[in-house]
């Protein structure tokens, strides 16, 4: 059930009825509400549509989580 045309259509920002800017806003609201995984999904979705702002959000999210998931203690 891997349809590449469907994947390209899903990433097309003109297909989503509200545009990628609203999806980015929704991701930001999810992040502020503490729903980090949901926010990450929407940031990835919007970054895939070409948003540099969403790509930066993903980068910052990755940086903020890097210290928490480190298996090695820092001393």
PDB file of N, CA and C in Angstrom:
ATOM      1  N   UNK A   1       0.837  -1.199   0.000  1.00  0.00           N
ATOM      2  CA  UNK A   1       0.000   0.000   0.000  1.00  0.00           C
ATOM      3  C   UNK A   1       0.869   1.245   0.000  1.00  0.00           C
ATOM      4  N   UNK A   2       2.052   1.148  -0.579  1.00  0.00           N
ATOM      5  CA  UNK A   2       2.974   2.276  -0.693  1.00  0.00           C
ATOM      6  C   UNK A   2       2.749   2.959  -2.029  1.00  0.00           C
ATOM      7  N   UNK A   3       2.034   4.046  -2.047  1.00  0.00           N
ATOM      8  CA  UNK A   3       1.746   4.777  -3.271  1.00  0.00           C
ATOM      9  C   UNK A   3       2.530   6.083  -3.257  1.00  0.00           C
ATOM     10  N   UNK A   4       3.591   6.203  -4.080  1.00  0.00           N
ATOM     11  CA  UNK A   4       4.395   7.423  -4.050  1.00  0.00           C
ATOM     12  C   UNK A   4       3.611   8.652  -4.485  1.00  0.00           C
ATOM     13  N   UNK A   5       2.631   8.474  -5.401  1.00  0.00           N
ATOM     14  CA  UNK A   5       1.825   9.619  -5.816  1.00  0.00           C
ATOM     15  C   UNK A   5       0.999  10.160  -4.650  1.00  0.00           C
ATOM     16  N   UNK A   6       0.496   9.269  -3.829  1.00  0.00           N
ATOM     17  CA  UNK A   6      -0.272   9.683  -2.663  1.00  0.00           C
ATOM     18  C   UNK A   6       0.613  10.429  -1.669  1.00  0.00           C
ATOM     19  N   UNK A   7       1.844   9.964  -1.490  1.00  0.00           N
ATOM     20  CA  UNK A   7       2.777  10.640  -0.586  1.00  0.00           C
ATOM     21  C   UNK A   7       3.110  12.039  -1.097  1.00  0.00           C
ATOM     22  N   UNK A   8       3.340  12.169  -2.400  1.00  0.00           N
ATOM     23  CA  UNK A   8       3.627  13.495  -2.966  1.00  0.00           C
ATOM     24  C   UNK A   8       2.422  14.415  -2.837  1.00  0.00           C
ATOM     25  N   UNK A   9       1.240  13.868  -3.023  1.00  0.00           N
ATOM     26  CA  UNK A   9       0.031  14.673  -2.886  1.00  0.00           C
ATOM     27  C   UNK A   9      -0.160  15.131  -1.441  1.00  0.00           C
ATOM     28  N   UNK A  10       0.151  14.266  -0.487  1.00  0.00           N
ATOM     29  CA  UNK A  10       0.001  14.616   0.924  1.00  0.00           C
ATOM     30  C   UNK A  10       0.967  15.727   1.314  1.00  0.00           C
ATOM     31  N   UNK A  11       2.135  15.766   0.675  1.00  0.00           N
ATOM     32  CA  UNK A  11       3.113  16.801   0.994  1.00  0.00           C
ATOM     33  C   UNK A  11       2.874  18.094   0.229  1.00  0.00           C
ATOM     34  N   UNK A  12       1.976  18.077  -0.744  1.00  0.00           N
ATOM     35  CA  UNK A  12       1.669  19.276  -1.511  1.00  0.00           C
ATOM     36  C   UNK A  12       0.899  20.247  -0.619  1.00  0.00           C
ATOM     37  N   UNK A  13       1.467  21.401  -0.390  1.00  0.00           N
ATOM     38  CA  UNK A  13       0.852  22.348   0.546  1.00  0.00           C
ATOM     39  C   UNK A  13      -0.470  22.903   0.032  1.00  0.00           C
ATOM     40  N   UNK A  14      -0.726  22.804  -1.264  1.00  0.00           N
ATOM     41  CA  UNK A  14      -1.979  23.329  -1.803  1.00  0.00           C
ATOM     42  C   UNK A  14      -3.133  22.345  -1.650  1.00  0.00           C
ATOM     43  N   UNK A  15      -2.832  21.098  -1.337  1.00  0.00           N
ATOM     44  CA  UNK A  15      -3.882  20.093  -1.177  1.00  0.00           C
ATOM     45  C   UNK A  15      -4.563  20.237   0.173  1.00  0.00           C
ATOM     46  N   UNK A  16      -3.768  20.478   1.215  1.00  0.00           N
ATOM     47  CA  UNK A  16      -4.369  20.648   2.538  1.00  0.00           C
ATOM     48  C   UNK A  16      -5.227  21.903   2.503  1.00  0.00           C
ATOM     49  N   UNK A  17      -6.456  21.847   2.938  1.00  0.00           N
ATOM     50  CA  UNK A  17      -7.384  22.960   2.700  1.00  0.00           C
ATOM     51  C   UNK A  17      -6.977  24.282   3.343  1.00  0.00           C
ATOM     52  N   UNK A  18      -6.152  24.266   4.345  1.00  0.00           N
ATOM     53  CA  UNK A  18      -5.827  25.508   5.036  1.00  0.00           C
ATOM     54  C   UNK A  18      -4.418  25.989   4.772  1.00  0.00           C
ATOM     55  N   UNK A  19      -3.626  25.265   4.008  1.00  0.00           N
ATOM     56  CA  UNK A  19      -2.262  25.679   3.714  1.00  0.00           C
ATOM     57  C   UNK A  19      -1.297  25.257   4.813  1.00  0.00           C
ATOM     58  N   UNK A  20      -0.021  25.279   4.466  1.00  0.00           N
ATOM     59  CA  UNK A  20       0.986  24.790   5.413  1.00  0.00           C
ATOM     60  C   UNK A  20       1.190  25.736   6.585  1.00  0.00           C
ATOM     61  N   UNK A  21       0.871  27.011   6.425  1.00  0.00           N
ATOM     62  CA  UNK A  21       1.083  27.944   7.531  1.00  0.00           C
ATOM     63  C   UNK A  21       0.189  27.625   8.723  1.00  0.00           C
ATOM     64  N   UNK A  22      -1.027  27.162   8.452  1.00  0.00           N
ATOM     65  CA  UNK A  22      -1.907  26.772   9.548  1.00  0.00           C
ATOM     66  C   UNK A  22      -1.468  25.457  10.191  1.00  0.00           C
ATOM     67  N   UNK A  23      -0.893  24.576   9.391  1.00  0.00           N
ATOM     68  CA  UNK A  23      -0.362  23.334   9.945  1.00  0.00           C
ATOM     69  C   UNK A  23       0.828  23.637  10.849  1.00  0.00           C
ATOM     70  N   UNK A  24       1.648  24.610  10.464  1.00  0.00           N
ATOM     71  CA  UNK A  24       2.773  25.025  11.310  1.00  0.00           C
ATOM     72  C   UNK A  24       2.262  25.646  12.614  1.00  0.00           C
ATOM     73  N   UNK A  25       1.254  26.470  12.518  1.00  0.00           N
ATOM     74  CA  UNK A  25       0.646  27.059  13.713  1.00  0.00           C
ATOM     75  C   UNK A  25       0.082  25.980  14.630  1.00  0.00           C
ATOM     76  N   UNK A  26      -0.590  24.988  14.047  1.00  0.00           N
ATOM     77  CA  UNK A  26      -1.147  23.894  14.836  1.00  0.00           C
ATOM     78  C   UNK A  26      -0.034  23.127  15.548  1.00  0.00           C
ATOM     79  N   UNK A  27       1.077  22.875  14.846  1.00  0.00           N
ATOM     80  CA  UNK A  27       2.217  22.207  15.467  1.00  0.00           C
ATOM     81  C   UNK A  27       2.776  23.017  16.626  1.00  0.00           C
ATOM     82  N   UNK A  28       2.859  24.323  16.447  1.00  0.00           N
ATOM     83  CA  UNK A  28       3.367  25.180  17.515  1.00  0.00           C
ATOM     84  C   UNK A  28       2.436  25.160  18.728  1.00  0.00           C
ATOM     85  N   UNK A  29       1.132  25.173  18.477  1.00  0.00           N
ATOM     86  CA  UNK A  29       0.174  25.112  19.585  1.00  0.00           C
ATOM     87  C   UNK A  29       0.266  23.776  20.318  1.00  0.00           C
ATOM     88  N   UNK A  30       0.455  22.701  19.566  1.00  0.00           N
ATOM     89  CA  UNK A  30       0.635  21.397  20.203  1.00  0.00           C
ATOM     90  C   UNK A  30       1.881  21.390  21.075  1.00  0.00           C
ATOM     91  N   UNK A  31       2.947  21.986  20.586  1.00  0.00           N
ATOM     92  CA  UNK A  31       4.188  22.043  21.360  1.00  0.00           C
ATOM     93  C   UNK A  31       3.971  22.821  22.660  1.00  0.00           C
ATOM     94  N   UNK A  32       3.301  23.959  22.562  1.00  0.00           N
ATOM     95  CA  UNK A  32       3.042  24.773  23.758  1.00  0.00           C
ATOM     96  C   UNK A  32       2.136  24.051  24.751  1.00  0.00           C
ATOM     97  N   UNK A  33       1.286  23.161  24.251  1.00  0.00           N
ATOM     98  CA  UNK A  33       0.395  22.393  25.115  1.00  0.00           C
ATOM     99  C   UNK A  33       1.069  21.153  25.698  1.00  0.00           C
ATOM    100  N   UNK A  34       2.338  20.956  25.341  1.00  0.00           N
ATOM    101  CA  UNK A  34       3.072  19.813  25.872  1.00  0.00           C
ATOM    102  C   UNK A  34       2.919  18.546  25.054  1.00  0.00           C
ATOM    103  N   UNK A  35       2.329  18.625  23.897  1.00  0.00           N
ATOM    104  CA  UNK A  35       2.140  17.469  23.000  1.00  0.00           C
ATOM    105  C   UNK A  35       3.274  17.450  21.983  1.00  0.00           C
ATOM    106  N   UNK A  36       4.478  17.115  22.456  1.00  0.00           N
ATOM    107  CA  UNK A  36       5.689  17.237  21.653  1.00  0.00           C
ATOM    108  C   UNK A  36       5.679  16.299  20.450  1.00  0.00           C
ATOM    109  N   UNK A  37       5.219  15.072  20.626  1.00  0.00           N
ATOM    110  CA  UNK A  37       5.215  14.126  19.506  1.00  0.00           C
ATOM    111  C   UNK A  37       4.251  14.572  18.402  1.00  0.00           C
ATOM    112  N   UNK A  38       3.110  15.087  18.799  1.00  0.00           N
ATOM    113  CA  UNK A  38       2.170  15.609  17.803  1.00  0.00           C
ATOM    114  C   UNK A  38       2.739  16.822  17.090  1.00  0.00           C
ATOM    115  N   UNK A  39       3.407  17.680  17.843  1.00  0.00           N
ATOM    116  CA  UNK A  39       4.048  18.854  17.245  1.00  0.00           C
ATOM    117  C   UNK A  39       5.127  18.429  16.263  1.00  0.00           C
ATOM    118  N   UNK A  40       5.909  17.422  16.641  1.00  0.00           N
ATOM    119  CA  UNK A  40       6.975  16.942  15.763  1.00  0.00           C
ATOM    120  C   UNK A  40       6.394  16.436  14.442  1.00  0.00           C
ATOM    121  N   UNK A  41       5.275  15.720  14.524  1.00  0.00           N
ATOM    122  CA  UNK A  41       4.624  15.242  13.301  1.00  0.00           C
ATOM    123  C   UNK A  41       4.277  16.399  12.379  1.00  0.00           C
ATOM    124  N   UNK A  42       3.635  17.442  12.906  1.00  0.00           N
ATOM    125  CA  UNK A  42       3.214  18.559  12.064  1.00  0.00           C
ATOM    126  C   UNK A  42       4.399  19.367  11.574  1.00  0.00           C
ATOM    127  N   UNK A  43       5.438  19.502  12.388  1.00  0.00           N
ATOM    128  CA  UNK A  43       6.639  20.190  11.919  1.00  0.00           C
ATOM    129  C   UNK A  43       7.261  19.422  10.752  1.00  0.00           C
ATOM    130  N   UNK A  44       7.284  18.094  10.841  1.00  0.00           N
ATOM    131  CA  UNK A  44       7.821  17.278   9.746  1.00  0.00           C
ATOM    132  C   UNK A  44       6.955  17.406   8.496  1.00  0.00           C
ATOM    133  N   UNK A  45       5.665  17.413   8.687  1.00  0.00           N
ATOM    134  CA  UNK A  45       4.737  17.547   7.562  1.00  0.00           C
ATOM    135  C   UNK A  45       4.975  18.862   6.827  1.00  0.00           C
ATOM    136  N   UNK A  46       5.067  19.940   7.590  1.00  0.00           N
ATOM    137  CA  UNK A  46       5.216  21.254   6.979  1.00  0.00           C
ATOM    138  C   UNK A  46       6.621  21.429   6.399  1.00  0.00           C
ATOM    139  N   UNK A  47       7.617  20.887   7.065  1.00  0.00           N
ATOM    140  CA  UNK A  47       8.975  20.954   6.514  1.00  0.00           C
ATOM    141  C   UNK A  47       9.037  20.200   5.192  1.00  0.00           C
ATOM    142  N   UNK A  48       8.319  19.107   5.088  1.00  0.00           N
ATOM    143  CA  UNK A  48       8.257  18.356   3.836  1.00  0.00           C
ATOM    144  C   UNK A  48       7.588  19.145   2.723  1.00  0.00           C
ATOM    145  N   UNK A  49       6.734  20.091   3.082  1.00  0.00           N
ATOM    146  CA  UNK A  49       6.087  20.948   2.087  1.00  0.00           C
ATOM    147  C   UNK A  49       6.983  22.119   1.700  1.00  0.00           C
ATOM    148  N   UNK A  50       8.147  22.232   2.348  1.00  0.00           N
ATOM    149  CA  UNK A  50       9.106  23.257   1.950  1.00  0.00           C
ATOM    150  C   UNK A  50       9.267  24.425   2.900  1.00  0.00           C
ATOM    151  N   UNK A  51       8.707  24.357   4.083  1.00  0.00           N
ATOM    152  CA  UNK A  51       8.798  25.469   5.029  1.00  0.00           C
ATOM    153  C   UNK A  51      10.132  25.443   5.783  1.00  0.00           C
ATOM    154  N   UNK A  52      10.898  26.514   5.635  1.00  0.00           N
ATOM    155  CA  UNK A  52      12.150  26.620   6.384  1.00  0.00           C
ATOM    156  C   UNK A  52      11.886  26.857   7.866  1.00  0.00           C
ATOM    157  N   UNK A  53      10.795  27.535   8.179  1.00  0.00           N
ATOM    158  CA  UNK A  53      10.451  27.769   9.587  1.00  0.00           C
ATOM    159  C   UNK A  53      10.180  26.440  10.298  1.00  0.00           C
ATOM    160  N   UNK A  54       9.473  25.540   9.640  1.00  0.00           N
ATOM    161  CA  UNK A  54       9.201  24.230  10.236  1.00  0.00           C
ATOM    162  C   UNK A  54      10.481  23.421  10.379  1.00  0.00           C
ATOM    163  N   UNK A  55      11.376  23.536   9.412  1.00  0.00           N
ATOM    164  CA  UNK A  55      12.657  22.838   9.508  1.00  0.00           C
ATOM    165  C   UNK A  55      13.454  23.361  10.700  1.00  0.00           C
ATOM    166  N   UNK A  56      13.394  24.653  10.938  1.00  0.00           N
ATOM    167  CA  UNK A  56      14.084  25.225  12.104  1.00  0.00           C
ATOM    168  C   UNK A  56      13.435  24.756  13.406  1.00  0.00           C
ATOM    169  N   UNK A  57      12.117  24.660  13.410  1.00  0.00           N
ATOM    170  CA  UNK A  57      11.418  24.144  14.600  1.00  0.00           C
ATOM    171  C   UNK A  57      11.854  22.719  14.899  1.00  0.00           C
ATOM    172  N   UNK A  58      11.970  21.898  13.873  1.00  0.00           N
ATOM    173  CA  UNK A  58      12.438  20.520  14.065  1.00  0.00           C
ATOM    174  C   UNK A  58      13.857  20.496  14.600  1.00  0.00           C
ATOM    175  N   UNK A  59      14.699  21.371  14.070  1.00  0.00           N
ATOM    176  CA  UNK A  59      16.087  21.455  14.528  1.00  0.00           C
ATOM    177  C   UNK A  59      16.138  21.827  16.010  1.00  0.00           C
ATOM    178  N   UNK A  60      15.385  22.845  16.391  1.00  0.00           N
ATOM    179  CA  UNK A  60      15.365  23.275  17.792  1.00  0.00           C
ATOM    180  C   UNK A  60      14.757  22.209  18.695  1.00  0.00           C
ATOM    181  N   UNK A  61      13.730  21.529  18.211  1.00  0.00           N
ATOM    182  CA  UNK A  61      13.137  20.441  18.979  1.00  0.00           C
ATOM    183  C   UNK A  61      14.149  19.331  19.196  1.00  0.00           C
ATOM    184  N   UNK A  62      14.904  19.016  18.153  1.00  0.00           N
ATOM    185  CA  UNK A  62      15.945  17.992  18.268  1.00  0.00           C
ATOM    186  C   UNK A  62      17.010  18.417  19.278  1.00  0.00           C
ATOM    187  N   UNK A  63      17.430  19.680  19.234  1.00  0.00           N
ATOM    188  CA  UNK A  63      18.431  20.160  20.186  1.00  0.00           C
ATOM    189  C   UNK A  63      17.919  20.107  21.620  1.00  0.00           C
ATOM    190  N   UNK A  64      16.659  20.436  21.806  1.00  0.00           N
ATOM    191  CA  UNK A  64      16.107  20.449  23.165  1.00  0.00           C
ATOM    192  C   UNK A  64      15.978  19.047  23.736  1.00  0.00           C
ATOM    193  N   UNK A  65      15.807  18.053  22.875  1.00  0.00           N
ATOM    194  CA  UNK A  65      15.639  16.678  23.344  1.00  0.00           C
ATOM    195  C   UNK A  65      16.946  15.905  23.390  1.00  0.00           C
ATOM    196  N   UNK A  66      18.000  16.415  22.793  1.00  0.00           N
ATOM    197  CA  UNK A  66      19.266  15.698  22.708  1.00  0.00           C
ATOM    198  C   UNK A  66      19.864  15.426  24.086  1.00  0.00           C
ATOM    199  N   UNK A  67      19.784  16.370  24.981  1.00  0.00           N
ATOM    200  CA  UNK A  67      20.371  16.199  26.306  1.00  0.00           C
ATOM    201  C   UNK A  67      19.593  15.236  27.175  1.00  0.00           C
ATOM    202  N   UNK A  68      18.288  15.132  26.943  1.00  0.00           N
ATOM    203  CA  UNK A  68      17.443  14.276  27.782  1.00  0.00           C
ATOM    204  C   UNK A  68      17.583  12.793  27.477  1.00  0.00           C
ATOM    205  N   UNK A  69      17.873  12.486  26.222  1.00  0.00           N
ATOM    206  CA  UNK A  69      17.890  11.077  25.843  1.00  0.00           C
ATOM    207  C   UNK A  69      19.308  10.509  25.760  1.00  0.00           C
ATOM    208  N   UNK A  70      20.276  11.236  26.243  1.00  0.00           N
ATOM    209  CA  UNK A  70      21.662  10.760  26.174  1.00  0.00           C
ATOM    210  C   UNK A  70      21.874   9.608  27.152  1.00  0.00           C
ATOM    211  N   UNK A  71      22.339   8.451  26.660  1.00  0.00           N
ATOM    212  CA  UNK A  71      22.542   7.310  27.539  1.00  0.00           C
ATOM    213  C   UNK A  71      23.801   7.440  28.397  1.00  0.00           C
ATOM    214  N   UNK A  72      24.681   8.370  28.034  1.00  0.00           N
ATOM    215  CA  UNK A  72      25.932   8.524  28.754  1.00  0.00           C
ATOM    216  C   UNK A  72      25.841   9.704  29.728  1.00  0.00           C
ATOM    217  N   UNK A  73      26.241   9.496  30.970  1.00  0.00           N
ATOM    218  CA  UNK A  73      26.209  10.611  31.936  1.00  0.00           C
ATOM    219  C   UNK A  73      27.265  11.652  31.574  1.00  0.00           C
ATOM    220  N   UNK A  74      26.932  12.906  31.819  1.00  0.00           N
ATOM    221  CA  UNK A  74      27.905  13.974  31.580  1.00  0.00           C
ATOM    222  C   UNK A  74      28.552  14.336  32.899  1.00  0.00           C
ATOM    223  N   UNK A  75      29.843  14.489  32.881  1.00  0.00           N
ATOM    224  CA  UNK A  75      30.534  14.867  34.108  1.00  0.00           C
ATOM    225  C   UNK A  75      31.566  15.916  33.875  1.00  0.00           C
TER     226      UNK A  75
END
